[in-house]
PDB file of N, CA and C in Angstrom:
ATOM      1  N   SER A   1     219.744 135.035 123.716  1.00  0.00           N
ATOM      2  CA  SER A   1     218.571 135.869 123.486  1.00  0.00           C
ATOM      3  C   SER A   1     218.529 136.994 124.515  1.00  0.00           C
ATOM      4  N   ASP A   2     218.348 138.209 124.061  1.00  0.00           N
ATOM      5  CA  ASP A   2     218.237 139.307 125.009  1.00  0.00           C
ATOM      6  C   ASP A   2     216.768 139.650 125.222  1.00  0.00           C
ATOM      7  N   ASP A   3     216.515 140.626 126.106  1.00  0.00           N
ATOM      8  CA  ASP A   3     215.137 140.982 126.448  1.00  0.00           C
ATOM      9  C   ASP A   3     214.332 141.456 125.251  1.00  0.00           C
ATOM     10  N   ARG A   4     215.004 142.029 124.239  1.00  0.00           N
ATOM     11  CA  ARG A   4     214.259 142.508 123.073  1.00  0.00           C
ATOM     12  C   ARG A   4     213.493 141.385 122.402  1.00  0.00           C
ATOM     13  N   ASP A   5     214.038 140.173 122.424  1.00  0.00           N
ATOM     14  CA  ASP A   5     213.359 139.052 121.790  1.00  0.00           C
ATOM     15  C   ASP A   5     212.027 138.745 122.462  1.00  0.00           C
ATOM     16  N   LEU A   6     211.862 139.149 123.714  1.00  0.00           N
ATOM     17  CA  LEU A   6     210.629 138.872 124.428  1.00  0.00           C
ATOM     18  C   LEU A   6     209.471 139.708 123.911  1.00  0.00           C
ATOM     19  N   TRP A   7     209.747 140.918 123.432  1.00  0.00           N
ATOM     20  CA  TRP A   7     208.639 141.750 122.967  1.00  0.00           C
ATOM     21  C   TRP A   7     208.679 142.051 121.479  1.00  0.00           C
ATOM     22  N   HIS A   8     209.741 141.709 120.809  1.00  0.00           N
ATOM     23  CA  HIS A   8     209.807 141.966 119.367  1.00  0.00           C
ATOM     24  C   HIS A   8     209.319 140.736 118.608  1.00  0.00           C
ATOM     25  N   LYS A   9     208.184 140.875 117.985  1.00  0.00           N
ATOM     26  CA  LYS A   9     207.577 139.773 117.246  1.00  0.00           C
ATOM     27  C   LYS A   9     207.251 140.260 115.844  1.00  0.00           C
ATOM     28  N   ARG A  10     207.208 139.353 114.917  1.00  0.00           N
ATOM     29  CA  ARG A  10     206.789 139.700 113.552  1.00  0.00           C
ATOM     30  C   ARG A  10     205.268 139.569 113.496  1.00  0.00           C
ATOM     31  N   VAL A  11     204.604 140.697 113.386  1.00  0.00           N
ATOM     32  CA  VAL A  11     203.147 140.696 113.335  1.00  0.00           C
ATOM     33  C   VAL A  11     202.694 141.630 112.228  1.00  0.00           C
ATOM     34  N   GLY A  12     201.478 141.445 111.794  1.00  0.00           N
ATOM     35  CA  GLY A  12     200.908 142.347 110.813  1.00  0.00           C
ATOM     36  C   GLY A  12     200.489 143.645 111.463  1.00  0.00           C
ATOM     37  N   TYR A  13     200.418 144.686 110.671  1.00  0.00           N
ATOM     38  CA  TYR A  13     200.006 145.995 111.175  1.00  0.00           C
ATOM     39  C   TYR A  13     198.923 146.525 110.275  1.00  0.00           C
ATOM     40  N   VAL A  14     197.842 146.966 110.876  1.00  0.00           N
ATOM     41  CA  VAL A  14     196.758 147.611 110.156  1.00  0.00           C
ATOM     42  C   VAL A  14     196.651 149.022 110.703  1.00  0.00           C
ATOM     43  N   ALA A  15     196.829 149.994 109.836  1.00  0.00           N
ATOM     44  CA  ALA A  15     196.705 151.391 110.259  1.00  0.00           C
ATOM     45  C   ALA A  15     195.234 151.709 110.478  1.00  0.00           C
ATOM     46  N   LEU A  16     194.921 152.154 111.681  1.00  0.00           N
ATOM     47  CA  LEU A  16     193.556 152.550 112.000  1.00  0.00           C
ATOM     48  C   LEU A  16     193.367 154.018 111.638  1.00  0.00           C
ATOM     49  N   PRO A  17     192.152 154.419 111.261  1.00  0.00           N
ATOM     50  CA  PRO A  17     191.908 155.840 111.043  1.00  0.00           C
ATOM     51  C   PRO A  17     192.241 156.618 112.318  1.00  0.00           C
ATOM     52  N   GLN A  18     192.790 157.811 112.168  1.00  0.00           N
ATOM     53  CA  GLN A  18     193.197 158.587 113.342  1.00  0.00           C
ATOM     54  C   GLN A  18     192.056 158.785 114.322  1.00  0.00           C
ATOM     55  N   ALA A  19     190.839 158.926 113.819  1.00  0.00           N
ATOM     56  CA  ALA A  19     189.685 159.133 114.701  1.00  0.00           C
ATOM     57  C   ALA A  19     189.388 157.914 115.563  1.00  0.00           C
ATOM     58  N   ASP A  20     189.858 156.728 115.177  1.00  0.00           N
ATOM     59  CA  ASP A  20     189.590 155.495 115.919  1.00  0.00           C
ATOM     60  C   ASP A  20     190.722 155.103 116.857  1.00  0.00           C
ATOM     61  N   GLN A  21     191.731 155.953 116.992  1.00  0.00           N
ATOM     62  CA  GLN A  21     192.870 155.631 117.840  1.00  0.00           C
ATOM     63  C   GLN A  21     192.812 156.403 119.146  1.00  0.00           C
ATOM     64  N   VAL A  22     193.326 155.794 120.194  1.00  0.00           N
ATOM     65  CA  VAL A  22     193.639 156.540 121.396  1.00  0.00           C
ATOM     66  C   VAL A  22     195.067 157.001 121.184  1.00  0.00           C
ATOM     67  N   TYR A  23     195.231 158.277 120.973  1.00  0.00           N
ATOM     68  CA  TYR A  23     196.527 158.778 120.550  1.00  0.00           C
ATOM     69  C   TYR A  23     197.254 159.415 121.723  1.00  0.00           C
ATOM     70  N   VAL A  24     198.357 158.840 122.094  1.00  0.00           N
ATOM     71  CA  VAL A  24     199.268 159.423 123.060  1.00  0.00           C
ATOM     72  C   VAL A  24     200.475 159.867 122.251  1.00  0.00           C
ATOM     73  N   ARG A  25     200.723 161.139 122.251  1.00  0.00           N
ATOM     74  CA  ARG A  25     201.793 161.679 121.409  1.00  0.00           C
ATOM     75  C   ARG A  25     203.148 161.422 122.055  1.00  0.00           C
ATOM     76  N   VAL A  26     203.888 160.493 121.492  1.00  0.00           N
ATOM     77  CA  VAL A  26     205.259 160.208 121.899  1.00  0.00           C
ATOM     78  C   VAL A  26     206.108 160.384 120.652  1.00  0.00           C
ATOM     79  N   THR A  27     206.917 161.420 120.661  1.00  0.00           N
ATOM     80  CA  THR A  27     207.684 161.762 119.475  1.00  0.00           C
ATOM     81  C   THR A  27     209.183 161.602 119.732  1.00  0.00           C
ATOM     82  N   PHE A  28     209.945 161.620 118.660  1.00  0.00           N
ATOM     83  CA  PHE A  28     211.388 161.411 118.699  1.00  0.00           C
ATOM     84  C   PHE A  28     212.089 162.491 117.903  1.00  0.00           C
ATOM     85  N   GLY A  29     213.335 162.734 118.251  1.00  0.00           N
ATOM     86  CA  GLY A  29     214.159 163.656 117.499  1.00  0.00           C
ATOM     87  C   GLY A  29     214.528 163.064 116.152  1.00  0.00           C
ATOM     88  N   PHE A  30     215.005 163.918 115.267  1.00  0.00           N
ATOM     89  CA  PHE A  30     215.412 163.481 113.941  1.00  0.00           C
ATOM     90  C   PHE A  30     216.527 162.444 114.056  1.00  0.00           C
ATOM     91  N   ASP A  31     216.381 161.328 113.337  1.00  0.00           N
ATOM     92  CA  ASP A  31     217.387 160.278 113.273  1.00  0.00           C
ATOM     93  C   ASP A  31     217.731 159.706 114.647  1.00  0.00           C
ATOM     94  N   SER A  32     216.731 159.618 115.536  1.00  0.00           N
ATOM     95  CA  SER A  32     216.981 159.181 116.903  1.00  0.00           C
ATOM     96  C   SER A  32     215.910 158.214 117.382  1.00  0.00           C
ATOM     97  N   ALA A  33     216.349 157.234 118.168  1.00  0.00           N
ATOM     98  CA  ALA A  33     215.413 156.351 118.862  1.00  0.00           C
ATOM     99  C   ALA A  33     215.466 156.595 120.363  1.00  0.00           C
ATOM    100  N   ALA A  34     216.178 157.639 120.790  1.00  0.00           N
ATOM    101  CA  ALA A  34     216.294 157.954 122.214  1.00  0.00           C
ATOM    102  C   ALA A  34     214.982 158.542 122.723  1.00  0.00           C
ATOM    103  N   LEU A  35     214.566 158.079 123.876  1.00  0.00           N
ATOM    104  CA  LEU A  35     213.341 158.557 124.499  1.00  0.00           C
ATOM    105  C   LEU A  35     213.663 159.773 125.360  1.00  0.00           C
ATOM    106  N   ALA A  36     213.150 160.929 124.980  1.00  0.00           N
ATOM    107  CA  ALA A  36     213.409 162.167 125.715  1.00  0.00           C
ATOM    108  C   ALA A  36     212.680 162.155 127.055  1.00  0.00           C
ATOM    109  N   GLU A  37     213.273 162.793 128.052  1.00  0.00           N
ATOM    110  CA  GLU A  37     212.652 162.889 129.383  1.00  0.00           C
ATOM    111  C   GLU A  37     211.252 163.491 129.296  1.00  0.00           C
ATOM    112  N   THR A  38     211.037 164.422 128.371  1.00  0.00           N
ATOM    113  CA  THR A  38     209.739 165.081 128.238  1.00  0.00           C
ATOM    114  C   THR A  38     208.640 164.121 127.795  1.00  0.00           C
ATOM    115  N   GLN A  39     209.006 162.965 127.234  1.00  0.00           N
ATOM    116  CA  GLN A  39     208.029 161.992 126.752  1.00  0.00           C
ATOM    117  C   GLN A  39     207.621 160.995 127.835  1.00  0.00           C
ATOM    118  N   LYS A  40     208.421 160.872 128.882  1.00  0.00           N
ATOM    119  CA  LYS A  40     208.201 159.834 129.892  1.00  0.00           C
ATOM    120  C   LYS A  40     206.933 160.010 130.732  1.00  0.00           C
ATOM    121  N   PRO A  41     206.502 161.225 131.096  1.00  0.00           N
ATOM    122  CA  PRO A  41     205.249 161.337 131.853  1.00  0.00           C
ATOM    123  C   PRO A  41     204.040 160.743 131.119  1.00  0.00           C
ATOM    124  N   ALA A  42     203.943 160.976 129.819  1.00  0.00           N
ATOM    125  CA  ALA A  42     202.823 160.413 129.052  1.00  0.00           C
ATOM    126  C   ALA A  42     202.903 158.894 129.030  1.00  0.00           C
ATOM    127  N   LEU A  43     204.112 158.351 128.925  1.00  0.00           N
ATOM    128  CA  LEU A  43     204.268 156.900 128.923  1.00  0.00           C
ATOM    129  C   LEU A  43     203.916 156.304 130.278  1.00  0.00           C
ATOM    130  N   ARG A  44     204.279 156.977 131.363  1.00  0.00           N
ATOM    131  CA  ARG A  44     203.913 156.478 132.700  1.00  0.00           C
ATOM    132  C   ARG A  44     202.397 156.469 132.874  1.00  0.00           C
ATOM    133  N   GLN A  45     201.736 157.492 132.360  1.00  0.00           N
ATOM    134  CA  GLN A  45     200.274 157.549 132.422  1.00  0.00           C
ATOM    135  C   GLN A  45     199.675 156.389 131.619  1.00  0.00           C
ATOM    136  N   LEU A  46     200.257 156.097 130.472  1.00  0.00           N
ATOM    137  CA  LEU A  46     199.789 154.994 129.646  1.00  0.00           C
ATOM    138  C   LEU A  46     199.998 153.654 130.357  1.00  0.00           C
ATOM    139  N   CYS A  47     201.108 153.510 131.074  1.00  0.00           N
ATOM    140  CA  CYS A  47     201.353 152.287 131.859  1.00  0.00           C
ATOM    141  C   CYS A  47     200.233 152.067 132.874  1.00  0.00           C
ATOM    142  N   ARG A  48     199.881 153.134 133.585  1.00  0.00           N
ATOM    143  CA  ARG A  48     198.802 153.020 134.585  1.00  0.00           C
ATOM    144  C   ARG A  48     197.488 152.640 133.912  1.00  0.00           C
ATOM    145  N   ALA A  49     197.195 153.246 132.776  1.00  0.00           N
ATOM    146  CA  ALA A  49     195.948 152.947 132.066  1.00  0.00           C
ATOM    147  C   ALA A  49     195.921 151.495 131.602  1.00  0.00           C
ATOM    148  N   MET A  50     197.074 150.971 131.154  1.00  0.00           N
ATOM    149  CA  MET A  50     197.138 149.569 130.722  1.00  0.00           C
ATOM    150  C   MET A  50     196.734 148.640 131.858  1.00  0.00           C
ATOM    151  N   ASP A  51     197.226 148.924 133.045  1.00  0.00           N
ATOM    152  CA  ASP A  51     196.897 148.076 134.193  1.00  0.00           C
ATOM    153  C   ASP A  51     195.460 148.265 134.643  1.00  0.00           C
ATOM    154  N   GLU A  52     194.997 149.511 134.683  1.00  0.00           N
ATOM    155  CA  GLU A  52     193.635 149.791 135.132  1.00  0.00           C
ATOM    156  C   GLU A  52     192.599 149.178 134.204  1.00  0.00           C
ATOM    157  N   GLU A  53     192.873 149.170 132.920  1.00  0.00           N
ATOM    158  CA  GLU A  53     191.924 148.642 131.942  1.00  0.00           C
ATOM    159  C   GLU A  53     192.111 147.153 131.692  1.00  0.00           C
ATOM    160  N   GLY A  54     193.136 146.552 132.278  1.00  0.00           N
ATOM    161  CA  GLY A  54     193.358 145.121 132.119  1.00  0.00           C
ATOM    162  C   GLY A  54     193.803 144.714 130.727  1.00  0.00           C
ATOM    163  N   VAL A  55     194.531 145.585 130.044  1.00  0.00           N
ATOM    164  CA  VAL A  55     195.018 145.261 128.708  1.00  0.00           C
ATOM    165  C   VAL A  55     196.051 144.144 128.839  1.00  0.00           C
ATOM    166  N   ARG A  56     195.800 143.030 128.148  1.00  0.00           N
ATOM    167  CA  ARG A  56     196.711 141.881 128.234  1.00  0.00           C
ATOM    168  C   ARG A  56     197.809 141.938 127.192  1.00  0.00           C
ATOM    169  N   LEU A  57     197.517 142.487 126.014  1.00  0.00           N
ATOM    170  CA  LEU A  57     198.511 142.553 124.947  1.00  0.00           C
ATOM    171  C   LEU A  57     198.451 143.930 124.307  1.00  0.00           C
ATOM    172  N   PHE A  58     199.604 144.561 124.236  1.00  0.00           N
ATOM    173  CA  PHE A  58     199.704 145.945 123.806  1.00  0.00           C
ATOM    174  C   PHE A  58     200.723 146.030 122.689  1.00  0.00           C
ATOM    175  N   ARG A  59     200.335 146.555 121.543  1.00  0.00           N
ATOM    176  CA  ARG A  59     201.241 146.694 120.403  1.00  0.00           C
ATOM    177  C   ARG A  59     201.789 148.123 120.371  1.00  0.00           C
ATOM    178  N   ILE A  60     203.093 148.218 120.214  1.00  0.00           N
ATOM    179  CA  ILE A  60     203.793 149.495 120.105  1.00  0.00           C
ATOM    180  C   ILE A  60     204.309 149.572 118.672  1.00  0.00           C
ATOM    181  N   ILE A  61     203.880 150.598 117.932  1.00  0.00           N
ATOM    182  CA  ILE A  61     204.214 150.710 116.518  1.00  0.00           C
ATOM    183  C   ILE A  61     205.103 151.928 116.309  1.00  0.00           C
ATOM    184  N   GLY A  62     206.328 151.688 115.854  1.00  0.00           N
ATOM    185  CA  GLY A  62     207.260 152.768 115.577  1.00  0.00           C
ATOM    186  C   GLY A  62     207.123 153.273 114.156  1.00  0.00           C
ATOM    187  N   HIS A  63     207.299 154.589 113.991  1.00  0.00           N
ATOM    188  CA  HIS A  63     207.188 155.260 112.690  1.00  0.00           C
ATOM    189  C   HIS A  63     208.364 156.213 112.501  1.00  0.00           C
ATOM    190  N   THR A  64     208.627 156.550 111.253  1.00  0.00           N
ATOM    191  CA  THR A  64     209.628 157.572 110.920  1.00  0.00           C
ATOM    192  C   THR A  64     209.018 158.587 109.974  1.00  0.00           C
ATOM    193  N   ASP A  65     209.775 159.660 109.743  1.00  0.00           N
ATOM    194  CA  ASP A  65     209.390 160.569 108.669  1.00  0.00           C
ATOM    195  C   ASP A  65     209.939 160.006 107.357  1.00  0.00           C
ATOM    196  N   ALA A  66     209.800 160.732 106.271  1.00  0.00           N
ATOM    197  CA  ALA A  66     210.174 160.210 104.958  1.00  0.00           C
ATOM    198  C   ALA A  66     211.654 160.406 104.605  1.00  0.00           C
ATOM    199  N   ALA A  67     212.418 161.084 105.456  1.00  0.00           N
ATOM    200  CA  ALA A  67     213.841 161.272 105.167  1.00  0.00           C
ATOM    201  C   ALA A  67     214.562 159.932 105.292  1.00  0.00           C
ATOM    202  N   GLY A  68     215.416 159.621 104.363  1.00  0.00           N
ATOM    203  CA  GLY A  68     216.197 158.383 104.439  1.00  0.00           C
ATOM    204  C   GLY A  68     215.583 157.252 103.639  1.00  0.00           C
ATOM    205  N   GLY A  69     216.364 156.193 103.497  1.00  0.00           N
ATOM    206  CA  GLY A  69     215.933 155.041 102.718  1.00  0.00           C
ATOM    207  C   GLY A  69     214.972 154.133 103.464  1.00  0.00           C
ATOM    208  N   ASP A  70     214.324 153.252 102.705  1.00  0.00           N
ATOM    209  CA  ASP A  70     213.322 152.353 103.284  1.00  0.00           C
ATOM    210  C   ASP A  70     213.907 151.441 104.355  1.00  0.00           C
ATOM    211  N   ALA A  71     215.033 150.790 104.073  1.00  0.00           N
ATOM    212  CA  ALA A  71     215.612 149.842 105.034  1.00  0.00           C
ATOM    213  C   ALA A  71     216.050 150.558 106.308  1.00  0.00           C
ATOM    214  N   TYR A  72     216.677 151.719 106.157  1.00  0.00           N
ATOM    215  CA  TYR A  72     217.121 152.475 107.330  1.00  0.00           C
ATOM    216  C   TYR A  72     215.928 152.888 108.184  1.00  0.00           C
ATOM    217  N   ASN A  73     214.889 153.419 107.545  1.00  0.00           N
ATOM    218  CA  ASN A  73     213.709 153.861 108.289  1.00  0.00           C
ATOM    219  C   ASN A  73     212.984 152.692 108.946  1.00  0.00           C
ATOM    220  N   GLN A  74     212.971 151.545 108.294  1.00  0.00           N
ATOM    221  CA  GLN A  74     212.359 150.372 108.908  1.00  0.00           C
ATOM    222  C   GLN A  74     213.080 150.026 110.210  1.00  0.00           C
ATOM    223  N   GLN A  75     214.406 149.985 110.158  1.00  0.00           N
ATOM    224  CA  GLN A  75     215.186 149.661 111.355  1.00  0.00           C
ATOM    225  C   GLN A  75     215.006 150.721 112.446  1.00  0.00           C
ATOM    226  N   LEU A  76     215.008 152.002 112.073  1.00  0.00           N
ATOM    227  CA  LEU A  76     214.828 153.068 113.049  1.00  0.00           C
ATOM    228  C   LEU A  76     213.452 152.982 113.699  1.00  0.00           C
ATOM    229  N   SER A  77     212.435 152.652 112.926  1.00  0.00           N
ATOM    230  CA  SER A  77     211.084 152.547 113.499  1.00  0.00           C
ATOM    231  C   SER A  77     211.005 151.395 114.501  1.00  0.00           C
ATOM    232  N   VAL A  78     211.677 150.291 114.212  1.00  0.00           N
ATOM    233  CA  VAL A  78     211.728 149.171 115.157  1.00  0.00           C
ATOM    234  C   VAL A  78     212.448 149.600 116.433  1.00  0.00           C
ATOM    235  N   LEU A  79     213.567 150.289 116.292  1.00  0.00           N
ATOM    236  CA  LEU A  79     214.317 150.745 117.469  1.00  0.00           C
ATOM    237  C   LEU A  79     213.480 151.679 118.339  1.00  0.00           C
ATOM    238  N   ARG A  80     212.679 152.526 117.739  1.00  0.00           N
ATOM    239  CA  ARG A  80     211.798 153.418 118.508  1.00  0.00           C
ATOM    240  C   ARG A  80     210.771 152.622 119.289  1.00  0.00           C
ATOM    241  N   ALA A  81     210.148 151.650 118.641  1.00  0.00           N
ATOM    242  CA  ALA A  81     209.161 150.811 119.334  1.00  0.00           C
ATOM    243  C   ALA A  81     209.825 150.018 120.459  1.00  0.00           C
ATOM    244  N   GLU A  82     211.001 149.489 120.203  1.00  0.00           N
ATOM    245  CA  GLU A  82     211.711 148.717 121.225  1.00  0.00           C
ATOM    246  C   GLU A  82     212.134 149.584 122.403  1.00  0.00           C
ATOM    247  N   GLU A  83     212.486 150.834 122.151  1.00  0.00           N
ATOM    248  CA  GLU A  83     212.862 151.737 123.242  1.00  0.00           C
ATOM    249  C   GLU A  83     211.672 151.995 124.157  1.00  0.00           C
ATOM    250  N   VAL A  84     210.495 152.166 123.585  1.00  0.00           N
ATOM    251  CA  VAL A  84     209.293 152.359 124.401  1.00  0.00           C
ATOM    252  C   VAL A  84     208.962 151.068 125.155  1.00  0.00           C
ATOM    253  N   ALA A  85     209.092 149.924 124.509  1.00  0.00           N
ATOM    254  CA  ALA A  85     208.851 148.657 125.197  1.00  0.00           C
ATOM    255  C   ALA A  85     209.816 148.491 126.367  1.00  0.00           C
ATOM    256  N   ARG A  86     211.092 148.818 126.151  1.00  0.00           N
ATOM    257  CA  ARG A  86     212.080 148.746 127.230  1.00  0.00           C
ATOM    258  C   ARG A  86     211.665 149.634 128.400  1.00  0.00           C
ATOM    259  N   PHE A  87     211.171 150.827 128.111  1.00  0.00           N
ATOM    260  CA  PHE A  87     210.701 151.731 129.156  1.00  0.00           C
ATOM    261  C   PHE A  87     209.548 151.095 129.936  1.00  0.00           C
ATOM    262  N   PHE A  88     208.579 150.533 129.217  1.00  0.00           N
ATOM    263  CA  PHE A  88     207.445 149.900 129.886  1.00  0.00           C
ATOM    264  C   PHE A  88     207.893 148.768 130.811  1.00  0.00           C
ATOM    265  N   VAL A  89     208.861 147.976 130.371  1.00  0.00           N
ATOM    266  CA  VAL A  89     209.351 146.853 131.173  1.00  0.00           C
ATOM    267  C   VAL A  89     210.163 147.350 132.359  1.00  0.00           C
ATOM    268  N   GLU A  90     211.150 148.194 132.099  1.00  0.00           N
ATOM    269  CA  GLU A  90     212.092 148.593 133.138  1.00  0.00           C
ATOM    270  C   GLU A  90     211.544 149.646 134.091  1.00  0.00           C
ATOM    271  N   ASP A  91     210.774 150.592 133.604  1.00  0.00           N
ATOM    272  CA  ASP A  91     210.295 151.678 134.453  1.00  0.00           C
ATOM    273  C   ASP A  91     208.893 151.448 135.006  1.00  0.00           C
ATOM    274  N   CYS A  92     208.075 150.678 134.310  1.00  0.00           N
ATOM    275  CA  CYS A  92     206.689 150.474 134.731  1.00  0.00           C
ATOM    276  C   CYS A  92     206.417 149.067 135.239  1.00  0.00           C
ATOM    277  N   GLY A  93     207.345 148.149 135.004  1.00  0.00           N
ATOM    278  CA  GLY A  93     207.144 146.779 135.460  1.00  0.00           C
ATOM    279  C   GLY A  93     206.152 145.986 134.626  1.00  0.00           C
ATOM    280  N   ILE A  94     205.923 146.394 133.400  1.00  0.00           N
ATOM    281  CA  ILE A  94     205.029 145.648 132.511  1.00  0.00           C
ATOM    282  C   ILE A  94     205.757 144.383 132.048  1.00  0.00           C
ATOM    283  N   ALA A  95     205.090 143.261 132.085  1.00  0.00           N
ATOM    284  CA  ALA A  95     205.704 142.003 131.643  1.00  0.00           C
ATOM    285  C   ALA A  95     205.980 142.059 130.142  1.00  0.00           C
ATOM    286  N   PRO A  96     207.174 141.658 129.725  1.00  0.00           N
ATOM    287  CA  PRO A  96     207.495 141.681 128.291  1.00  0.00           C
ATOM    288  C   PRO A  96     206.508 140.884 127.437  1.00  0.00           C
ATOM    289  N   ALA A  97     205.922 139.827 127.973  1.00  0.00           N
ATOM    290  CA  ALA A  97     204.977 139.015 127.211  1.00  0.00           C
ATOM    291  C   ALA A  97     203.709 139.792 126.852  1.00  0.00           C
ATOM    292  N   ARG A  98     203.468 140.937 127.502  1.00  0.00           N
ATOM    293  CA  ARG A  98     202.292 141.760 127.213  1.00  0.00           C
ATOM    294  C   ARG A  98     202.537 142.775 126.107  1.00  0.00           C
ATOM    295  N   LEU A  99     203.742 142.777 125.533  1.00  0.00           N
ATOM    296  CA  LEU A  99     204.121 143.809 124.571  1.00  0.00           C
ATOM    297  C   LEU A  99     204.531 143.223 123.236  1.00  0.00           C
ATOM    298  N   GLU A 100     204.134 143.877 122.167  1.00  0.00           N
ATOM    299  CA  GLU A 100     204.624 143.601 120.818  1.00  0.00           C
ATOM    300  C   GLU A 100     205.189 144.900 120.285  1.00  0.00           C
ATOM    301  N   ALA A 101     206.456 144.910 119.941  1.00  0.00           N
ATOM    302  CA  ALA A 101     207.105 146.105 119.388  1.00  0.00           C
ATOM    303  C   ALA A 101     207.376 145.861 117.916  1.00  0.00           C
ATOM    304  N   ILE A 102     206.781 146.697 117.077  1.00  0.00           N
ATOM    305  CA  ILE A 102     206.986 146.560 115.637  1.00  0.00           C
ATOM    306  C   ILE A 102     207.315 147.927 115.042  1.00  0.00           C
ATOM    307  N   GLY A 103     207.883 147.902 113.866  1.00  0.00           N
ATOM    308  CA  GLY A 103     208.162 149.136 113.147  1.00  0.00           C
ATOM    309  C   GLY A 103     207.576 149.067 111.751  1.00  0.00           C
ATOM    310  N   VAL A 104     207.092 150.199 111.279  1.00  0.00           N
ATOM    311  CA  VAL A 104     206.509 150.258 109.937  1.00  0.00           C
ATOM    312  C   VAL A 104     207.198 151.311 109.069  1.00  0.00           C
ATOM    313  N   GLY A 105     208.357 151.793 109.527  1.00  0.00           N
ATOM    314  CA  GLY A 105     209.119 152.743 108.729  1.00  0.00           C
ATOM    315  C   GLY A 105     208.354 154.015 108.446  1.00  0.00           C
ATOM    316  N   LYS A 106     208.400 154.426 107.187  1.00  0.00           N
ATOM    317  CA  LYS A 106     207.768 155.690 106.786  1.00  0.00           C
ATOM    318  C   LYS A 106     206.453 155.470 106.037  1.00  0.00           C
ATOM    319  N   ARG A 107     205.909 154.262 106.080  1.00  0.00           N
ATOM    320  CA  ARG A 107     204.745 153.910 105.254  1.00  0.00           C
ATOM    321  C   ARG A 107     203.426 154.521 105.701  1.00  0.00           C
ATOM    322  N   HIS A 108     203.309 154.936 106.956  1.00  0.00           N
ATOM    323  CA  HIS A 108     202.031 155.444 107.470  1.00  0.00           C
ATOM    324  C   HIS A 108     202.243 156.787 108.170  1.00  0.00           C
ATOM    325  N   PRO A 109     202.482 157.865 107.415  1.00  0.00           N
ATOM    326  CA  PRO A 109     202.742 159.159 108.065  1.00  0.00           C
ATOM    327  C   PRO A 109     201.501 159.685 108.787  1.00  0.00           C
ATOM    328  N   PHE A 110     201.728 160.303 109.934  1.00  0.00           N
ATOM    329  CA  PHE A 110     200.636 160.962 110.657  1.00  0.00           C
ATOM    330  C   PHE A 110     200.172 162.181 109.864  1.00  0.00           C
ATOM    331  N   ASP A 111     201.127 162.903 109.315  1.00  0.00           N
ATOM    332  CA  ASP A 111     200.836 164.067 108.480  1.00  0.00           C
ATOM    333  C   ASP A 111     201.189 163.707 107.036  1.00  0.00           C
ATOM    334  N   ALA A 112     200.231 163.138 106.319  1.00  0.00           N
ATOM    335  CA  ALA A 112     200.479 162.688 104.950  1.00  0.00           C
ATOM    336  C   ALA A 112     200.754 163.858 104.004  1.00  0.00           C
ATOM    337  N   ALA A 113     200.267 165.046 104.333  1.00  0.00           N
ATOM    338  CA  ALA A 113     200.510 166.214 103.489  1.00  0.00           C
ATOM    339  C   ALA A 113     201.975 166.648 103.550  1.00  0.00           C
ATOM    340  N   ASP A 114     202.661 166.321 104.650  1.00  0.00           N
ATOM    341  CA  ASP A 114     204.082 166.654 104.802  1.00  0.00           C
ATOM    342  C   ASP A 114     204.809 165.437 105.363  1.00  0.00           C
ATOM    343  N   PRO A 115     205.220 164.499 104.500  1.00  0.00           N
ATOM    344  CA  PRO A 115     205.839 163.262 104.975  1.00  0.00           C
ATOM    345  C   PRO A 115     207.150 163.470 105.724  1.00  0.00           C
ATOM    346  N   TYR A 116     207.737 164.673 105.645  1.00  0.00           N
ATOM    347  CA  TYR A 116     208.980 164.975 106.364  1.00  0.00           C
ATOM    348  C   TYR A 116     208.725 165.654 107.712  1.00  0.00           C
ATOM    349  N   ALA A 117     207.455 165.857 108.062  1.00  0.00           N
ATOM    350  CA  ALA A 117     207.101 166.575 109.287  1.00  0.00           C
ATOM    351  C   ALA A 117     207.551 165.815 110.540  1.00  0.00           C
ATOM    352  N   ALA A 118     207.890 166.582 111.565  1.00  0.00           N
ATOM    353  CA  ALA A 118     208.367 166.008 112.829  1.00  0.00           C
ATOM    354  C   ALA A 118     207.330 165.093 113.472  1.00  0.00           C
ATOM    355  N   GLU A 119     206.051 165.386 113.335  1.00  0.00           N
ATOM    356  CA  GLU A 119     205.029 164.551 113.982  1.00  0.00           C
ATOM    357  C   GLU A 119     204.949 163.143 113.389  1.00  0.00           C
ATOM    358  N   ASN A 120     205.582 162.916 112.270  1.00  0.00           N
ATOM    359  CA  ASN A 120     205.636 161.573 111.700  1.00  0.00           C
ATOM    360  C   ASN A 120     206.645 160.682 112.415  1.00  0.00           C
ATOM    361  N   ARG A 121     207.566 161.261 113.179  1.00  0.00           N
ATOM    362  CA  ARG A 121     208.559 160.511 113.962  1.00  0.00           C
ATOM    363  C   ARG A 121     207.943 160.201 115.317  1.00  0.00           C
ATOM    364  N   ARG A 122     207.320 159.034 115.417  1.00  0.00           N
ATOM    365  CA  ARG A 122     206.481 158.770 116.589  1.00  0.00           C
ATOM    366  C   ARG A 122     206.337 157.290 116.839  1.00  0.00           C
ATOM    367  N   VAL A 123     205.687 156.975 117.957  1.00  0.00           N
ATOM    368  CA  VAL A 123     205.153 155.632 118.185  1.00  0.00           C
ATOM    369  C   VAL A 123     203.654 155.774 118.416  1.00  0.00           C
ATOM    370  N   GLU A 124     202.939 154.732 118.024  1.00  0.00           N
ATOM    371  CA  GLU A 124     201.496 154.631 118.283  1.00  0.00           C
ATOM    372  C   GLU A 124     201.265 153.372 119.088  1.00  0.00           C
ATOM    373  N   PHE A 125     200.080 153.271 119.625  1.00  0.00           N
ATOM    374  CA  PHE A 125     199.754 152.140 120.490  1.00  0.00           C
ATOM    375  C   PHE A 125     198.409 151.545 120.108  1.00  0.00           C
ATOM    376  N   GLN A 126     198.324 150.228 120.167  1.00  0.00           N
ATOM    377  CA  GLN A 126     197.058 149.533 119.967  1.00  0.00           C
ATOM    378  C   GLN A 126     196.899 148.514 121.081  1.00  0.00           C
ATOM    379  N   ALA A 127     195.739 148.556 121.734  1.00  0.00           N
ATOM    380  CA  ALA A 127     195.399 147.523 122.714  1.00  0.00           C
ATOM    381  C   ALA A 127     194.837 146.347 121.927  1.00  0.00           C
ATOM    382  N   ILE A 128     195.523 145.199 121.974  1.00  0.00           N
ATOM    383  CA  ILE A 128     195.155 144.056 121.166  1.00  0.00           C
ATOM    384  C   ILE A 128     194.148 143.162 121.900  1.00  0.00           C
ATOM    385  N   SER A 129     194.362 142.968 123.189  1.00  0.00           N
ATOM    386  CA  SER A 129     193.417 142.142 123.972  1.00  0.00           C
ATOM    387  C   SER A 129     193.472 142.529 125.424  1.00  0.00           C
TER     388      SER A 129
END
């Protein structure tokens, strides 16, 4: 078992209305799960907020745009969530048991009017407890 098994769990996902989310924009390049250096400052800020607010369980939800097939996008969305979880563990010292990394593929676009838009390639966050 590798470290990914510690934070990758099969859980249900409920899309919250955008107005009800704390949205930290973490985006990805086309067909990529690599975390760009430009995205890391926002993630470090989120790490500090997790500790300050005492969040015990944090869900990381990976998304894709509509390009590509369902199975491919599902896997890519999981890889994006896992990359952010890896960052939280390795760079911020967050315990893996505090993280759930899931992917929902292309099913919940941020910009539903343009399912191929770059802003749909993202991760979202939910504080679970």
